[in-house]
């Protein structure tokens, strides 16, 4: 069994920056969609409202993720990325693959 190659810091930074751009674009589209709903038909308005709730939940998740990504980018810039903010141990590559913005190792996150 071969080990999965580790991603370089530059690759992780590019991925995080790409995710920020993606989230920004998604949030902009959600805002435009939410602003466009002004249907006078009550039945259609109710259907739009249900869809709006899904969009609002998606936006909330994005708004939560953005500061985490920005913090990870700051850690890359200051050289502390990949080091647990609580115990100082290295964060496992697999954990960084799954949660590239995490500041904590698996033990400290629990």
PDB file of N, CA and C in Angstrom:
ATOM      1  N   UNK A   1       0.851  -1.174   0.000  1.00  0.00           N
ATOM      2  CA  UNK A   1       0.000   0.000   0.000  1.00  0.00           C
ATOM      3  C   UNK A   1       0.898   1.239   0.000  1.00  0.00           C
ATOM      4  N   UNK A   2       0.689   2.141  -0.941  1.00  0.00           N
ATOM      5  CA  UNK A   2       1.507   3.349  -1.022  1.00  0.00           C
ATOM      6  C   UNK A   2       0.847   4.478  -0.256  1.00  0.00           C
ATOM      7  N   UNK A   3       1.671   5.294   0.367  1.00  0.00           N
ATOM      8  CA  UNK A   3       1.165   6.424   1.127  1.00  0.00           C
ATOM      9  C   UNK A   3       0.723   7.536   0.172  1.00  0.00           C
ATOM     10  N   UNK A   4      -0.321   8.209   0.560  1.00  0.00           N
ATOM     11  CA  UNK A   4      -0.810   9.330  -0.219  1.00  0.00           C
ATOM     12  C   UNK A   4       0.189  10.481  -0.077  1.00  0.00           C
ATOM     13  N   UNK A   5       0.592  11.100  -1.188  1.00  0.00           N
ATOM     14  CA  UNK A   5       1.554  12.195  -1.078  1.00  0.00           C
ATOM     15  C   UNK A   5       0.945  13.388  -0.331  1.00  0.00           C
ATOM     16  N   UNK A   6       1.766  14.055   0.456  1.00  0.00           N
ATOM     17  CA  UNK A   6       1.291  15.224   1.184  1.00  0.00           C
ATOM     18  C   UNK A   6       1.241  16.418   0.246  1.00  0.00           C
ATOM     19  N   UNK A   7       0.284  17.277   0.494  1.00  0.00           N
ATOM     20  CA  UNK A   7       0.143  18.483  -0.319  1.00  0.00           C
ATOM     21  C   UNK A   7       1.127  19.537   0.171  1.00  0.00           C
ATOM     22  N   UNK A   8       1.677  20.282  -0.747  1.00  0.00           N
ATOM     23  CA  UNK A   8       2.581  21.362  -0.357  1.00  0.00           C
ATOM     24  C   UNK A   8       1.780  22.502   0.260  1.00  0.00           C
ATOM     25  N   UNK A   9       2.457  23.331   0.998  1.00  0.00           N
ATOM     26  CA  UNK A   9       1.822  24.491   1.609  1.00  0.00           C
ATOM     27  C   UNK A   9       1.258  25.422   0.538  1.00  0.00           C
ATOM     28  N   UNK A  10       1.971  25.572  -0.563  1.00  0.00           N
ATOM     29  CA  UNK A  10       1.497  26.422  -1.661  1.00  0.00           C
ATOM     30  C   UNK A  10       0.198  25.862  -2.253  1.00  0.00           C
ATOM     31  N   UNK A  11       0.122  24.547  -2.358  1.00  0.00           N
ATOM     32  CA  UNK A  11      -1.089  23.916  -2.883  1.00  0.00           C
ATOM     33  C   UNK A  11      -2.248  24.122  -1.918  1.00  0.00           C
ATOM     34  N   UNK A  12      -1.988  23.922  -0.638  1.00  0.00           N
ATOM     35  CA  UNK A  12      -3.054  24.140   0.359  1.00  0.00           C
ATOM     36  C   UNK A  12      -3.511  25.600   0.346  1.00  0.00           C
ATOM     37  N   UNK A  13      -2.571  26.533   0.258  1.00  0.00           N
ATOM     38  CA  UNK A  13      -2.929  27.959   0.207  1.00  0.00           C
ATOM     39  C   UNK A  13      -3.795  28.235  -1.019  1.00  0.00           C
ATOM     40  N   UNK A  14      -3.402  27.707  -2.174  1.00  0.00           N
ATOM     41  CA  UNK A  14      -4.172  27.920  -3.400  1.00  0.00           C
ATOM     42  C   UNK A  14      -5.580  27.325  -3.268  1.00  0.00           C
ATOM     43  N   UNK A  15      -5.675  26.165  -2.642  1.00  0.00           N
ATOM     44  CA  UNK A  15      -6.989  25.545  -2.446  1.00  0.00           C
ATOM     45  C   UNK A  15      -7.867  26.405  -1.530  1.00  0.00           C
ATOM     46  N   UNK A  16      -7.290  26.907  -0.454  1.00  0.00           N
ATOM     47  CA  UNK A  16      -8.047  27.750   0.476  1.00  0.00           C
ATOM     48  C   UNK A  16      -8.465  29.061  -0.198  1.00  0.00           C
ATOM     49  N   UNK A  17      -7.559  29.665  -0.946  1.00  0.00           N
ATOM     50  CA  UNK A  17      -7.898  30.903  -1.652  1.00  0.00           C
ATOM     51  C   UNK A  17      -8.990  30.651  -2.689  1.00  0.00           C
ATOM     52  N   UNK A  18      -8.916  29.518  -3.385  1.00  0.00           N
ATOM     53  CA  UNK A  18      -9.952  29.162  -4.345  1.00  0.00           C
ATOM     54  C   UNK A  18     -11.302  28.973  -3.679  1.00  0.00           C
ATOM     55  N   UNK A  19     -11.281  28.348  -2.502  1.00  0.00           N
ATOM     56  CA  UNK A  19     -12.529  28.145  -1.758  1.00  0.00           C
ATOM     57  C   UNK A  19     -13.132  29.479  -1.327  1.00  0.00           C
ATOM     58  N   UNK A  20     -12.291  30.436  -0.929  1.00  0.00           N
ATOM     59  CA  UNK A  20     -12.791  31.770  -0.572  1.00  0.00           C
ATOM     60  C   UNK A  20     -13.492  32.425  -1.756  1.00  0.00           C
ATOM     61  N   UNK A  21     -12.887  32.336  -2.918  1.00  0.00           N
ATOM     62  CA  UNK A  21     -13.479  32.913  -4.125  1.00  0.00           C
ATOM     63  C   UNK A  21     -14.802  32.229  -4.434  1.00  0.00           C
ATOM     64  N   UNK A  22     -14.810  30.898  -4.340  1.00  0.00           N
ATOM     65  CA  UNK A  22     -16.026  30.124  -4.597  1.00  0.00           C
ATOM     66  C   UNK A  22     -17.150  30.517  -3.636  1.00  0.00           C
ATOM     67  N   UNK A  23     -16.819  30.629  -2.348  1.00  0.00           N
ATOM     68  CA  UNK A  23     -17.826  31.003  -1.361  1.00  0.00           C
ATOM     69  C   UNK A  23     -18.338  32.416  -1.597  1.00  0.00           C
ATOM     70  N   UNK A  24     -17.446  33.332  -1.930  1.00  0.00           N
ATOM     71  CA  UNK A  24     -17.859  34.709  -2.211  1.00  0.00           C
ATOM     72  C   UNK A  24     -18.834  34.777  -3.376  1.00  0.00           C
ATOM     73  N   UNK A  25     -18.529  34.054  -4.436  1.00  0.00           N
ATOM     74  CA  UNK A  25     -19.413  34.029  -5.603  1.00  0.00           C
ATOM     75  C   UNK A  25     -20.752  33.390  -5.246  1.00  0.00           C
ATOM     76  N   UNK A  26     -20.708  32.293  -4.485  1.00  0.00           N
ATOM     77  CA  UNK A  26     -21.950  31.622  -4.091  1.00  0.00           C
ATOM     78  C   UNK A  26     -22.818  32.528  -3.232  1.00  0.00           C
ATOM     79  N   UNK A  27     -22.200  33.229  -2.285  1.00  0.00           N
ATOM     80  CA  UNK A  27     -22.968  34.120  -1.418  1.00  0.00           C
ATOM     81  C   UNK A  27     -23.578  35.273  -2.205  1.00  0.00           C
ATOM     82  N   UNK A  28     -22.864  35.761  -3.182  1.00  0.00           N
ATOM     83  CA  UNK A  28     -23.393  36.827  -4.034  1.00  0.00           C
ATOM     84  C   UNK A  28     -24.621  36.348  -4.805  1.00  0.00           C
ATOM     85  N   UNK A  29     -24.546  35.135  -5.363  1.00  0.00           N
ATOM     86  CA  UNK A  29     -25.685  34.570  -6.090  1.00  0.00           C
ATOM     87  C   UNK A  29     -26.879  34.335  -5.170  1.00  0.00           C
ATOM     88  N   UNK A  30     -26.607  33.867  -3.973  1.00  0.00           N
ATOM     89  CA  UNK A  30     -27.692  33.642  -3.015  1.00  0.00           C
ATOM     90  C   UNK A  30     -28.368  34.964  -2.673  1.00  0.00           C
ATOM     91  N   UNK A  31     -27.587  35.994  -2.443  1.00  0.00           N
ATOM     92  CA  UNK A  31     -28.153  37.300  -2.116  1.00  0.00           C
ATOM     93  C   UNK A  31     -29.027  37.816  -3.265  1.00  0.00           C
ATOM     94  N   UNK A  32     -28.539  37.683  -4.488  1.00  0.00           N
ATOM     95  CA  UNK A  32     -29.324  38.105  -5.645  1.00  0.00           C
ATOM     96  C   UNK A  32     -30.624  37.316  -5.743  1.00  0.00           C
ATOM     97  N   UNK A  33     -30.547  36.017  -5.513  1.00  0.00           N
ATOM     98  CA  UNK A  33     -31.741  35.172  -5.584  1.00  0.00           C
ATOM     99  C   UNK A  33     -32.743  35.554  -4.500  1.00  0.00           C
ATOM    100  N   UNK A  34     -32.266  35.779  -3.295  1.00  0.00           N
ATOM    101  CA  UNK A  34     -33.162  36.164  -2.204  1.00  0.00           C
ATOM    102  C   UNK A  34     -33.810  37.519  -2.465  1.00  0.00           C
ATOM    103  N   UNK A  35     -33.082  38.439  -3.056  1.00  0.00           N
ATOM    104  CA  UNK A  35     -33.618  39.762  -3.354  1.00  0.00           C
ATOM    105  C   UNK A  35     -34.636  39.746  -4.492  1.00  0.00           C
ATOM    106  N   UNK A  36     -34.601  38.700  -5.319  1.00  0.00           N
ATOM    107  CA  UNK A  36     -35.460  38.671  -6.499  1.00  0.00           C
ATOM    108  C   UNK A  36     -36.869  38.143  -6.220  1.00  0.00           C
ATOM    109  N   UNK A  37     -37.123  37.635  -5.040  1.00  0.00           N
ATOM    110  CA  UNK A  37     -38.426  37.022  -4.751  1.00  0.00           C
ATOM    111  C   UNK A  37     -39.421  38.042  -4.228  1.00  0.00           C
ATOM    112  N   UNK A  38     -40.335  38.416  -5.096  1.00  0.00           N
ATOM    113  CA  UNK A  38     -41.400  39.341  -4.712  1.00  0.00           C
ATOM    114  C   UNK A  38     -42.673  38.956  -5.460  1.00  0.00           C
ATOM    115  N   UNK A  39     -43.004  37.673  -5.440  1.00  0.00           N
ATOM    116  CA  UNK A  39     -44.141  37.168  -6.189  1.00  0.00           C
ATOM    117  C   UNK A  39     -45.438  37.521  -5.470  1.00  0.00           C
ATOM    118  N   UNK A  40     -46.404  38.138  -6.180  1.00  0.00           N
ATOM    119  CA  UNK A  40     -47.673  38.496  -5.541  1.00  0.00           C
ATOM    120  C   UNK A  40     -48.596  37.286  -5.304  1.00  0.00           C
ATOM    121  N   UNK A  41     -48.353  36.184  -5.973  1.00  0.00           N
ATOM    122  CA  UNK A  41     -49.161  34.976  -5.807  1.00  0.00           C
ATOM    123  C   UNK A  41     -48.751  34.295  -4.499  1.00  0.00           C
ATOM    124  N   UNK A  42     -49.695  34.136  -3.577  1.00  0.00           N
ATOM    125  CA  UNK A  42     -49.392  33.613  -2.252  1.00  0.00           C
ATOM    126  C   UNK A  42     -48.833  32.197  -2.292  1.00  0.00           C
ATOM    127  N   UNK A  43     -49.358  31.343  -3.156  1.00  0.00           N
ATOM    128  CA  UNK A  43     -48.874  29.963  -3.236  1.00  0.00           C
ATOM    129  C   UNK A  43     -47.432  29.928  -3.744  1.00  0.00           C
ATOM    130  N   UNK A  44     -47.154  30.714  -4.769  1.00  0.00           N
ATOM    131  CA  UNK A  44     -45.788  30.750  -5.291  1.00  0.00           C
ATOM    132  C   UNK A  44     -44.845  31.411  -4.296  1.00  0.00           C
ATOM    133  N   UNK A  45     -45.349  32.409  -3.584  1.00  0.00           N
ATOM    134  CA  UNK A  45     -44.536  33.070  -2.570  1.00  0.00           C
ATOM    135  C   UNK A  45     -44.168  32.094  -1.452  1.00  0.00           C
ATOM    136  N   UNK A  46     -45.113  31.226  -1.075  1.00  0.00           N
ATOM    137  CA  UNK A  46     -44.830  30.224  -0.036  1.00  0.00           C
ATOM    138  C   UNK A  46     -43.759  29.246  -0.514  1.00  0.00           C
ATOM    139  N   UNK A  47     -43.836  28.838  -1.771  1.00  0.00           N
ATOM    140  CA  UNK A  47     -42.832  27.943  -2.338  1.00  0.00           C
ATOM    141  C   UNK A  47     -41.473  28.629  -2.384  1.00  0.00           C
ATOM    142  N   UNK A  48     -41.476  29.894  -2.780  1.00  0.00           N
ATOM    143  CA  UNK A  48     -40.218  30.652  -2.808  1.00  0.00           C
ATOM    144  C   UNK A  48     -39.641  30.774  -1.407  1.00  0.00           C
ATOM    145  N   UNK A  49     -40.484  30.961  -0.415  1.00  0.00           N
ATOM    146  CA  UNK A  49     -40.009  31.107   0.965  1.00  0.00           C
ATOM    147  C   UNK A  49     -39.331  29.830   1.449  1.00  0.00           C
ATOM    148  N   UNK A  50     -39.881  28.677   1.073  1.00  0.00           N
ATOM    149  CA  UNK A  50     -39.241  27.411   1.432  1.00  0.00           C
ATOM    150  C   UNK A  50     -37.859  27.307   0.796  1.00  0.00           C
ATOM    151  N   UNK A  51     -37.774  27.708  -0.467  1.00  0.00           N
ATOM    152  CA  UNK A  51     -36.475  27.692  -1.153  1.00  0.00           C
ATOM    153  C   UNK A  51     -35.517  28.698  -0.508  1.00  0.00           C
ATOM    154  N   UNK A  52     -36.065  29.828  -0.081  1.00  0.00           N
ATOM    155  CA  UNK A  52     -35.236  30.847   0.575  1.00  0.00           C
ATOM    156  C   UNK A  52     -34.603  30.310   1.855  1.00  0.00           C
ATOM    157  N   UNK A  53     -35.343  29.490   2.582  1.00  0.00           N
ATOM    158  CA  UNK A  53     -34.804  28.925   3.828  1.00  0.00           C
ATOM    159  C   UNK A  53     -33.591  28.049   3.549  1.00  0.00           C
ATOM    160  N   UNK A  54     -33.644  27.298   2.464  1.00  0.00           N
ATOM    161  CA  UNK A  54     -32.506  26.468   2.069  1.00  0.00           C
ATOM    162  C   UNK A  54     -31.333  27.367   1.678  1.00  0.00           C
ATOM    163  N   UNK A  55     -31.614  28.411   0.901  1.00  0.00           N
ATOM    164  CA  UNK A  55     -30.553  29.344   0.499  1.00  0.00           C
ATOM    165  C   UNK A  55     -29.936  30.040   1.707  1.00  0.00           C
ATOM    166  N   UNK A  56     -30.761  30.429   2.653  1.00  0.00           N
ATOM    167  CA  UNK A  56     -30.260  31.103   3.849  1.00  0.00           C
ATOM    168  C   UNK A  56     -29.372  30.174   4.678  1.00  0.00           C
ATOM    169  N   UNK A  57     -29.739  28.897   4.763  1.00  0.00           N
ATOM    170  CA  UNK A  57     -28.913  27.923   5.494  1.00  0.00           C
ATOM    171  C   UNK A  57     -27.568  27.735   4.794  1.00  0.00           C
ATOM    172  N   UNK A  58     -27.593  27.689   3.462  1.00  0.00           N
ATOM    173  CA  UNK A  58     -26.353  27.564   2.685  1.00  0.00           C
ATOM    174  C   UNK A  58     -25.473  28.793   2.893  1.00  0.00           C
ATOM    175  N   UNK A  59     -26.092  29.960   2.884  1.00  0.00           N
ATOM    176  CA  UNK A  59     -25.343  31.205   3.102  1.00  0.00           C
ATOM    177  C   UNK A  59     -24.735  31.230   4.501  1.00  0.00           C
ATOM    178  N   UNK A  60     -25.495  30.799   5.492  1.00  0.00           N
ATOM    179  CA  UNK A  60     -24.998  30.789   6.875  1.00  0.00           C
ATOM    180  C   UNK A  60     -23.772  29.887   7.003  1.00  0.00           C
ATOM    181  N   UNK A  61     -23.827  28.722   6.352  1.00  0.00           N
ATOM    182  CA  UNK A  61     -22.684  27.807   6.388  1.00  0.00           C
ATOM    183  C   UNK A  61     -21.463  28.459   5.740  1.00  0.00           C
ATOM    184  N   UNK A  62     -21.665  29.143   4.623  1.00  0.00           N
ATOM    185  CA  UNK A  62     -20.565  29.834   3.946  1.00  0.00           C
ATOM    186  C   UNK A  62     -19.993  30.948   4.799  1.00  0.00           C
ATOM    187  N   UNK A  63     -20.872  31.688   5.460  1.00  0.00           N
ATOM    188  CA  UNK A  63     -20.415  32.787   6.315  1.00  0.00           C
ATOM    189  C   UNK A  63     -19.644  32.273   7.527  1.00  0.00           C
ATOM    190  N   UNK A  64     -19.916  31.069   7.949  1.00  0.00           N
ATOM    191  CA  UNK A  64     -19.167  30.448   9.041  1.00  0.00           C
ATOM    192  C   UNK A  64     -17.798  29.977   8.558  1.00  0.00           C
ATOM    193  N   UNK A  65     -17.749  29.466   7.335  1.00  0.00           N
ATOM    194  CA  UNK A  65     -16.514  28.911   6.790  1.00  0.00           C
ATOM    195  C   UNK A  65     -15.494  29.998   6.413  1.00  0.00           C
ATOM    196  N   UNK A  66     -15.958  31.131   5.931  1.00  0.00           N
ATOM    197  CA  UNK A  66     -15.050  32.192   5.455  1.00  0.00           C
ATOM    198  C   UNK A  66     -14.040  32.632   6.515  1.00  0.00           C
ATOM    199  N   UNK A  67     -14.450  32.978   7.736  1.00  0.00           N
ATOM    200  CA  UNK A  67     -13.445  33.389   8.733  1.00  0.00           C
ATOM    201  C   UNK A  67     -12.474  32.262   9.099  1.00  0.00           C
ATOM    202  N   UNK A  68     -12.950  31.015   9.035  1.00  0.00           N
ATOM    203  CA  UNK A  68     -12.063  29.886   9.322  1.00  0.00           C
ATOM    204  C   UNK A  68     -10.989  29.768   8.246  1.00  0.00           C
ATOM    205  N   UNK A  69     -11.374  29.985   7.001  1.00  0.00           N
ATOM    206  CA  UNK A  69     -10.409  29.931   5.895  1.00  0.00           C
ATOM    207  C   UNK A  69      -9.420  31.084   6.013  1.00  0.00           C
ATOM    208  N   UNK A  70      -9.916  32.265   6.305  1.00  0.00           N
ATOM    209  CA  UNK A  70      -9.013  33.426   6.458  1.00  0.00           C
ATOM    210  C   UNK A  70      -8.016  33.202   7.591  1.00  0.00           C
ATOM    211  N   UNK A  71      -8.466  32.603   8.673  1.00  0.00           N
ATOM    212  CA  UNK A  71      -7.562  32.300   9.791  1.00  0.00           C
ATOM    213  C   UNK A  71      -6.509  31.283   9.368  1.00  0.00           C
ATOM    214  N   UNK A  72      -6.916  30.285   8.582  1.00  0.00           N
ATOM    215  CA  UNK A  72      -5.951  29.291   8.088  1.00  0.00           C
ATOM    216  C   UNK A  72      -4.922  29.951   7.183  1.00  0.00           C
ATOM    217  N   UNK A  73      -5.356  30.875   6.340  1.00  0.00           N
ATOM    218  CA  UNK A  73      -4.418  31.594   5.468  1.00  0.00           C
ATOM    219  C   UNK A  73      -3.442  32.439   6.288  1.00  0.00           C
ATOM    220  N   UNK A  74      -3.914  33.016   7.387  1.00  0.00           N
ATOM    221  CA  UNK A  74      -3.003  33.764   8.281  1.00  0.00           C
ATOM    222  C   UNK A  74      -1.980  32.822   8.917  1.00  0.00           C
ATOM    223  N   UNK A  75      -2.427  31.613   9.286  1.00  0.00           N
ATOM    224  CA  UNK A  75      -1.499  30.643   9.867  1.00  0.00           C
ATOM    225  C   UNK A  75      -0.461  30.197   8.832  1.00  0.00           C
ATOM    226  N   UNK A  76      -0.872  30.073   7.580  1.00  0.00           N
ATOM    227  CA  UNK A  76       0.100  29.748   6.532  1.00  0.00           C
ATOM    228  C   UNK A  76       1.120  30.870   6.436  1.00  0.00           C
ATOM    229  N   UNK A  77       0.653  32.110   6.452  1.00  0.00           N
ATOM    230  CA  UNK A  77       1.540  33.274   6.326  1.00  0.00           C
ATOM    231  C   UNK A  77       2.510  33.376   7.502  1.00  0.00           C
ATOM    232  N   UNK A  78       2.044  33.044   8.712  1.00  0.00           N
ATOM    233  CA  UNK A  78       2.936  33.196   9.873  1.00  0.00           C
ATOM    234  C   UNK A  78       3.707  31.922  10.221  1.00  0.00           C
ATOM    235  N   UNK A  79       3.483  30.865   9.443  1.00  0.00           N
ATOM    236  CA  UNK A  79       4.252  29.636   9.635  1.00  0.00           C
ATOM    237  C   UNK A  79       3.696  28.662  10.655  1.00  0.00           C
ATOM    238  N   UNK A  80       2.505  28.926  11.172  1.00  0.00           N
ATOM    239  CA  UNK A  80       1.956  28.029  12.192  1.00  0.00           C
ATOM    240  C   UNK A  80       0.913  27.053  11.634  1.00  0.00           C
ATOM    241  N   UNK A  81       0.666  27.095  10.336  1.00  0.00           N
ATOM    242  CA  UNK A  81      -0.321  26.192   9.731  1.00  0.00           C
ATOM    243  C   UNK A  81       0.118  24.746   9.897  1.00  0.00           C
ATOM    244  N   UNK A  82      -0.825  23.905  10.277  1.00  0.00           N
ATOM    245  CA  UNK A  82      -0.528  22.485  10.456  1.00  0.00           C
ATOM    246  C   UNK A  82      -0.076  22.131  11.860  1.00  0.00           C
ATOM    247  N   UNK A  83       0.060  23.133  12.708  1.00  0.00           N
ATOM    248  CA  UNK A  83       0.411  22.921  14.107  1.00  0.00           C
ATOM    249  C   UNK A  83      -0.822  23.205  14.947  1.00  0.00           C
ATOM    250  N   UNK A  84      -1.162  22.287  15.824  1.00  0.00           N
ATOM    251  CA  UNK A  84      -2.352  22.441  16.659  1.00  0.00           C
ATOM    252  C   UNK A  84      -2.218  23.684  17.540  1.00  0.00           C
ATOM    253  N   UNK A  85      -3.248  24.511  17.507  1.00  0.00           N
ATOM    254  CA  UNK A  85      -3.246  25.749  18.290  1.00  0.00           C
ATOM    255  C   UNK A  85      -3.365  25.476  19.787  1.00  0.00           C
ATOM    256  N   UNK A  86      -3.810  24.289  20.172  1.00  0.00           N
ATOM    257  CA  UNK A  86      -3.985  23.982  21.590  1.00  0.00           C
ATOM    258  C   UNK A  86      -2.778  23.264  22.177  1.00  0.00           C
ATOM    259  N   UNK A  87      -2.338  22.166  21.545  1.00  0.00           N
ATOM    260  CA  UNK A  87      -1.272  21.354  22.147  1.00  0.00           C
ATOM    261  C   UNK A  87       0.083  21.511  21.462  1.00  0.00           C
ATOM    262  N   UNK A  88       0.118  22.092  20.277  1.00  0.00           N
ATOM    263  CA  UNK A  88       1.372  22.296  19.573  1.00  0.00           C
ATOM    264  C   UNK A  88       1.848  21.120  18.737  1.00  0.00           C
ATOM    265  N   UNK A  89       1.108  20.008  18.752  1.00  0.00           N
ATOM    266  CA  UNK A  89       1.466  18.855  17.909  1.00  0.00           C
ATOM    267  C   UNK A  89       1.106  19.136  16.451  1.00  0.00           C
ATOM    268  N   UNK A  90       1.703  18.348  15.566  1.00  0.00           N
ATOM    269  CA  UNK A  90       1.371  18.465  14.146  1.00  0.00           C
ATOM    270  C   UNK A  90      -0.037  17.912  13.902  1.00  0.00           C
ATOM    271  N   UNK A  91      -0.797  18.588  13.067  1.00  0.00           N
ATOM    272  CA  UNK A  91      -2.117  18.105  12.661  1.00  0.00           C
ATOM    273  C   UNK A  91      -1.901  17.092  11.544  1.00  0.00           C
ATOM    274  N   UNK A  92      -2.560  15.958  11.639  1.00  0.00           N
ATOM    275  CA  UNK A  92      -2.404  14.888  10.659  1.00  0.00           C
ATOM    276  C   UNK A  92      -2.810  15.359   9.265  1.00  0.00           C
ATOM    277  N   UNK A  93      -2.067  14.893   8.252  1.00  0.00           N
ATOM    278  CA  UNK A  93      -2.350  15.264   6.857  1.00  0.00           C
ATOM    279  C   UNK A  93      -3.786  14.929   6.461  1.00  0.00           C
ATOM    280  N   UNK A  94      -4.263  13.770   6.879  1.00  0.00           N
ATOM    281  CA  UNK A  94      -5.632  13.371   6.547  1.00  0.00           C
ATOM    282  C   UNK A  94      -6.661  14.337   7.098  1.00  0.00           C
ATOM    283  N   UNK A  95      -6.394  14.838   8.301  1.00  0.00           N
ATOM    284  CA  UNK A  95      -7.313  15.814   8.902  1.00  0.00           C
ATOM    285  C   UNK A  95      -7.266  17.122   8.127  1.00  0.00           C
ATOM    286  N   UNK A  96      -6.060  17.545   7.734  1.00  0.00           N
ATOM    287  CA  UNK A  96      -5.940  18.773   6.936  1.00  0.00           C
ATOM    288  C   UNK A  96      -6.561  18.599   5.552  1.00  0.00           C
ATOM    289  N   UNK A  97      -6.520  17.387   5.024  1.00  0.00           N
ATOM    290  CA  UNK A  97      -7.176  17.126   3.742  1.00  0.00           C
ATOM    291  C   UNK A  97      -8.688  17.306   3.873  1.00  0.00           C
ATOM    292  N   UNK A  98      -9.249  16.800   4.979  1.00  0.00           N
ATOM    293  CA  UNK A  98     -10.691  16.862   5.191  1.00  0.00           C
ATOM    294  C   UNK A  98     -11.154  18.235   5.649  1.00  0.00           C
ATOM    295  N   UNK A  99     -10.369  18.867   6.522  1.00  0.00           N
ATOM    296  CA  UNK A  99     -10.709  20.178   7.089  1.00  0.00           C
ATOM    297  C   UNK A  99      -9.491  21.088   6.984  1.00  0.00           C
ATOM    298  N   UNK A 100      -9.211  21.599   5.800  1.00  0.00           N
ATOM    299  CA  UNK A 100      -7.969  22.351   5.614  1.00  0.00           C
ATOM    300  C   UNK A 100      -7.852  23.620   6.455  1.00  0.00           C
ATOM    301  N   UNK A 101      -8.943  24.080   7.036  1.00  0.00           N
ATOM    302  CA  UNK A 101      -8.906  25.293   7.854  1.00  0.00           C
ATOM    303  C   UNK A 101      -8.791  24.985   9.345  1.00  0.00           C
ATOM    304  N   UNK A 102      -8.757  23.711   9.730  1.00  0.00           N
ATOM    305  CA  UNK A 102      -8.777  23.385  11.153  1.00  0.00           C
ATOM    306  C   UNK A 102      -7.512  23.862  11.874  1.00  0.00           C
ATOM    307  N   UNK A 103      -7.690  24.450  13.063  1.00  0.00           N
ATOM    308  CA  UNK A 103      -6.524  24.842  13.861  1.00  0.00           C
ATOM    309  C   UNK A 103      -6.150  23.785  14.899  1.00  0.00           C
ATOM    310  N   UNK A 104      -6.909  22.672  14.946  1.00  0.00           N
ATOM    311  CA  UNK A 104      -6.717  21.690  16.003  1.00  0.00           C
ATOM    312  C   UNK A 104      -6.452  20.289  15.461  1.00  0.00           C
ATOM    313  N   UNK A 105      -5.613  19.548  16.189  1.00  0.00           N
ATOM    314  CA  UNK A 105      -5.415  18.129  15.882  1.00  0.00           C
ATOM    315  C   UNK A 105      -6.694  17.394  16.286  1.00  0.00           C
ATOM    316  N   UNK A 106      -6.773  16.141  15.921  1.00  0.00           N
ATOM    317  CA  UNK A 106      -7.981  15.349  16.209  1.00  0.00           C
ATOM    318  C   UNK A 106      -8.254  15.276  17.711  1.00  0.00           C
ATOM    319  N   UNK A 107      -7.223  15.060  18.509  1.00  0.00           N
ATOM    320  CA  UNK A 107      -7.402  14.919  19.962  1.00  0.00           C
ATOM    321  C   UNK A 107      -7.951  16.199  20.577  1.00  0.00           C
ATOM    322  N   UNK A 108      -7.381  17.322  20.204  1.00  0.00           N
ATOM    323  CA  UNK A 108      -7.812  18.587  20.794  1.00  0.00           C
ATOM    324  C   UNK A 108      -9.181  19.026  20.272  1.00  0.00           C
ATOM    325  N   UNK A 109      -9.542  18.617  19.079  1.00  0.00           N
ATOM    326  CA  UNK A 109     -10.849  18.987  18.522  1.00  0.00           C
ATOM    327  C   UNK A 109     -11.980  18.272  19.242  1.00  0.00           C
ATOM    328  N   UNK A 110     -11.669  17.118  19.840  1.00  0.00           N
ATOM    329  CA  UNK A 110     -12.707  16.373  20.553  1.00  0.00           C
ATOM    330  C   UNK A 110     -12.921  16.993  21.893  1.00  0.00           C
TER     331      UNK A 110
END
